[in-house]
């Protein structure tokens, strides 16, 4: 992988401006940040565990 330096001539906006909660809405590791897809998570954990998932989000605790 090549690494390059980019210099912008004007301000650059990246993203939507929405704040995401670490370890709840995104995770980091191995020099990467990954946004969690809610629908995929629900498909994996199942409807039976949705209350536990929501409780973690409300507490602000990690899903990991």
N, C-alpha and C. Protein backbone atom coordinates (compact mmCIF):
# COMPACT_ATOMS: atom_id res chain seq x y z
N UNK A 1 0.84 -1.17 0.00
CA UNK A 1 0.00 0.00 0.00
C UNK A 1 0.89 1.24 0.00
N UNK A 2 0.57 2.18 -0.86
CA UNK A 2 1.32 3.43 -0.92
C UNK A 2 0.65 4.47 -0.04
N UNK A 3 1.47 5.28 0.58
CA UNK A 3 0.97 6.37 1.41
C UNK A 3 1.39 7.68 0.75
N UNK A 4 0.47 8.60 0.66
CA UNK A 4 0.80 9.89 0.04
C UNK A 4 0.28 11.02 0.92
N UNK A 5 0.83 12.20 0.73
CA UNK A 5 0.41 13.38 1.46
C UNK A 5 -0.43 14.24 0.53
N UNK A 6 -1.58 14.68 1.02
CA UNK A 6 -2.49 15.51 0.22
C UNK A 6 -2.62 16.86 0.91
N UNK A 7 -2.44 17.92 0.16
CA UNK A 7 -2.63 19.27 0.67
C UNK A 7 -3.83 19.87 -0.02
N UNK A 8 -4.81 20.31 0.77
CA UNK A 8 -6.02 20.89 0.19
C UNK A 8 -5.88 22.40 0.07
N UNK A 9 -6.56 22.96 -0.90
CA UNK A 9 -6.53 24.40 -1.12
C UNK A 9 -7.62 25.11 -0.34
N UNK A 10 -8.68 24.39 0.01
CA UNK A 10 -9.79 24.95 0.78
C UNK A 10 -10.18 23.96 1.86
N UNK A 11 -11.10 24.35 2.69
CA UNK A 11 -11.60 23.46 3.75
C UNK A 11 -12.22 22.21 3.13
N UNK A 12 -12.09 21.11 3.82
CA UNK A 12 -12.65 19.84 3.35
C UNK A 12 -13.57 19.30 4.43
N UNK A 13 -14.78 18.94 4.03
CA UNK A 13 -15.74 18.34 4.97
C UNK A 13 -15.85 16.86 4.64
N UNK A 14 -15.67 16.02 5.65
CA UNK A 14 -15.86 14.59 5.46
C UNK A 14 -16.89 14.12 6.46
N UNK A 15 -17.78 13.29 6.02
CA UNK A 15 -18.80 12.75 6.91
C UNK A 15 -20.07 13.58 6.91
N UNK A 16 -21.02 13.10 7.69
CA UNK A 16 -22.34 13.73 7.73
C UNK A 16 -22.48 14.73 8.88
N UNK A 17 -21.52 14.74 9.79
CA UNK A 17 -21.62 15.59 10.97
C UNK A 17 -22.28 14.88 12.14
N UNK A 18 -22.76 13.66 11.91
CA UNK A 18 -23.39 12.88 12.97
C UNK A 18 -22.30 12.30 13.87
N UNK A 19 -22.48 12.42 15.18
CA UNK A 19 -21.55 11.84 16.14
C UNK A 19 -21.93 10.39 16.39
N UNK A 20 -20.92 9.51 16.40
CA UNK A 20 -21.14 8.09 16.64
C UNK A 20 -20.49 7.70 17.96
N UNK A 21 -21.12 6.78 18.70
CA UNK A 21 -20.60 6.31 19.97
C UNK A 21 -19.61 5.17 19.73
N UNK A 22 -18.39 5.35 20.27
CA UNK A 22 -17.35 4.34 20.10
C UNK A 22 -17.77 3.03 20.78
N UNK A 23 -17.48 1.93 20.15
CA UNK A 23 -17.79 0.57 20.60
C UNK A 23 -19.28 0.28 20.64
N UNK A 24 -20.11 1.20 20.17
CA UNK A 24 -21.54 0.97 20.04
C UNK A 24 -21.95 1.15 18.59
N UNK A 25 -21.59 2.30 18.02
CA UNK A 25 -21.94 2.57 16.63
C UNK A 25 -20.75 2.41 15.68
N UNK A 26 -19.54 2.37 16.24
CA UNK A 26 -18.35 2.07 15.45
C UNK A 26 -17.30 1.43 16.35
N UNK A 27 -16.40 0.68 15.74
CA UNK A 27 -15.30 0.06 16.47
C UNK A 27 -14.00 0.40 15.76
N UNK A 28 -12.91 0.35 16.51
CA UNK A 28 -11.59 0.62 15.95
C UNK A 28 -10.64 -0.51 16.29
N UNK A 29 -9.62 -0.63 15.47
CA UNK A 29 -8.58 -1.62 15.70
C UNK A 29 -7.81 -1.86 14.42
N UNK A 30 -6.56 -2.26 14.56
CA UNK A 30 -5.71 -2.53 13.40
C UNK A 30 -5.69 -1.36 12.42
N UNK A 31 -5.58 -0.14 12.96
CA UNK A 31 -5.52 1.09 12.14
C UNK A 31 -6.75 1.29 11.28
N UNK A 32 -7.91 0.82 11.74
CA UNK A 32 -9.15 0.98 10.98
C UNK A 32 -10.27 1.43 11.92
N UNK A 33 -11.26 2.08 11.34
CA UNK A 33 -12.50 2.40 12.04
C UNK A 33 -13.63 1.83 11.18
N UNK A 34 -14.55 1.10 11.81
CA UNK A 34 -15.63 0.44 11.08
C UNK A 34 -16.96 0.84 11.71
N UNK A 35 -17.87 1.34 10.88
CA UNK A 35 -19.21 1.70 11.35
C UNK A 35 -20.07 0.43 11.39
N UNK A 36 -20.78 0.23 12.48
CA UNK A 36 -21.59 -0.97 12.67
C UNK A 36 -22.93 -0.81 11.95
N UNK A 37 -23.30 -1.83 11.20
CA UNK A 37 -24.58 -1.85 10.47
C UNK A 37 -25.65 -2.44 11.40
N UNK A 38 -26.57 -1.59 11.86
CA UNK A 38 -27.60 -2.02 12.82
C UNK A 38 -28.39 -3.22 12.33
N UNK A 39 -28.77 -3.23 11.09
CA UNK A 39 -29.59 -4.33 10.56
C UNK A 39 -28.83 -5.65 10.56
N UNK A 40 -27.54 -5.59 10.23
CA UNK A 40 -26.74 -6.82 10.25
C UNK A 40 -26.57 -7.33 11.67
N UNK A 41 -26.35 -6.41 12.62
CA UNK A 41 -26.21 -6.82 14.02
C UNK A 41 -27.49 -7.49 14.50
N UNK A 42 -28.63 -6.89 14.21
CA UNK A 42 -29.91 -7.47 14.62
C UNK A 42 -30.08 -8.86 14.02
N UNK A 43 -29.66 -9.04 12.77
CA UNK A 43 -29.75 -10.35 12.15
C UNK A 43 -28.87 -11.38 12.84
N UNK A 44 -27.74 -10.92 13.38
CA UNK A 44 -26.81 -11.83 14.06
C UNK A 44 -27.27 -12.14 15.49
N UNK A 45 -27.65 -11.11 16.25
CA UNK A 45 -28.00 -11.33 17.65
C UNK A 45 -29.42 -11.85 17.82
N UNK A 46 -30.27 -11.61 16.85
CA UNK A 46 -31.65 -12.10 16.91
C UNK A 46 -32.55 -11.20 17.73
N UNK A 47 -33.83 -11.31 17.47
CA UNK A 47 -34.81 -10.48 18.17
C UNK A 47 -34.85 -10.76 19.66
N UNK A 48 -34.48 -11.97 20.07
CA UNK A 48 -34.50 -12.33 21.48
C UNK A 48 -33.50 -11.57 22.33
N UNK A 49 -32.45 -11.02 21.70
CA UNK A 49 -31.42 -10.30 22.44
C UNK A 49 -31.45 -8.79 22.21
N UNK A 50 -32.47 -8.31 21.51
CA UNK A 50 -32.52 -6.88 21.20
C UNK A 50 -32.60 -6.02 22.46
N UNK A 51 -33.28 -6.50 23.51
CA UNK A 51 -33.37 -5.72 24.75
C UNK A 51 -32.00 -5.53 25.39
N UNK A 52 -31.16 -6.56 25.35
CA UNK A 52 -29.79 -6.45 25.90
C UNK A 52 -28.97 -5.47 25.08
N UNK A 53 -29.14 -5.51 23.77
CA UNK A 53 -28.43 -4.61 22.87
C UNK A 53 -28.83 -3.16 23.15
N UNK A 54 -30.12 -2.90 23.28
CA UNK A 54 -30.61 -1.55 23.56
C UNK A 54 -30.14 -1.09 24.93
N UNK A 55 -30.11 -1.99 25.91
CA UNK A 55 -29.64 -1.62 27.25
C UNK A 55 -28.17 -1.19 27.22
N UNK A 56 -27.34 -1.88 26.45
CA UNK A 56 -25.93 -1.49 26.30
C UNK A 56 -25.82 -0.11 25.68
N UNK A 57 -26.62 0.16 24.67
CA UNK A 57 -26.59 1.46 24.02
C UNK A 57 -27.02 2.56 24.99
N UNK A 58 -28.09 2.32 25.74
CA UNK A 58 -28.58 3.31 26.70
C UNK A 58 -27.58 3.59 27.82
N UNK A 59 -26.85 2.56 28.25
CA UNK A 59 -25.83 2.73 29.29
C UNK A 59 -24.57 3.36 28.74
N UNK A 60 -24.40 3.29 27.42
CA UNK A 60 -23.16 3.78 26.81
C UNK A 60 -22.02 2.81 27.01
N UNK A 61 -22.34 1.55 27.29
CA UNK A 61 -21.29 0.55 27.50
C UNK A 61 -20.95 -0.15 26.19
N UNK A 62 -19.78 -0.73 26.16
CA UNK A 62 -19.28 -1.37 24.96
C UNK A 62 -20.08 -2.63 24.63
N UNK A 63 -20.27 -2.85 23.36
CA UNK A 63 -20.90 -4.08 22.90
C UNK A 63 -19.88 -5.20 22.77
N UNK A 64 -18.62 -4.86 22.88
CA UNK A 64 -17.56 -5.85 22.67
C UNK A 64 -17.28 -6.63 23.92
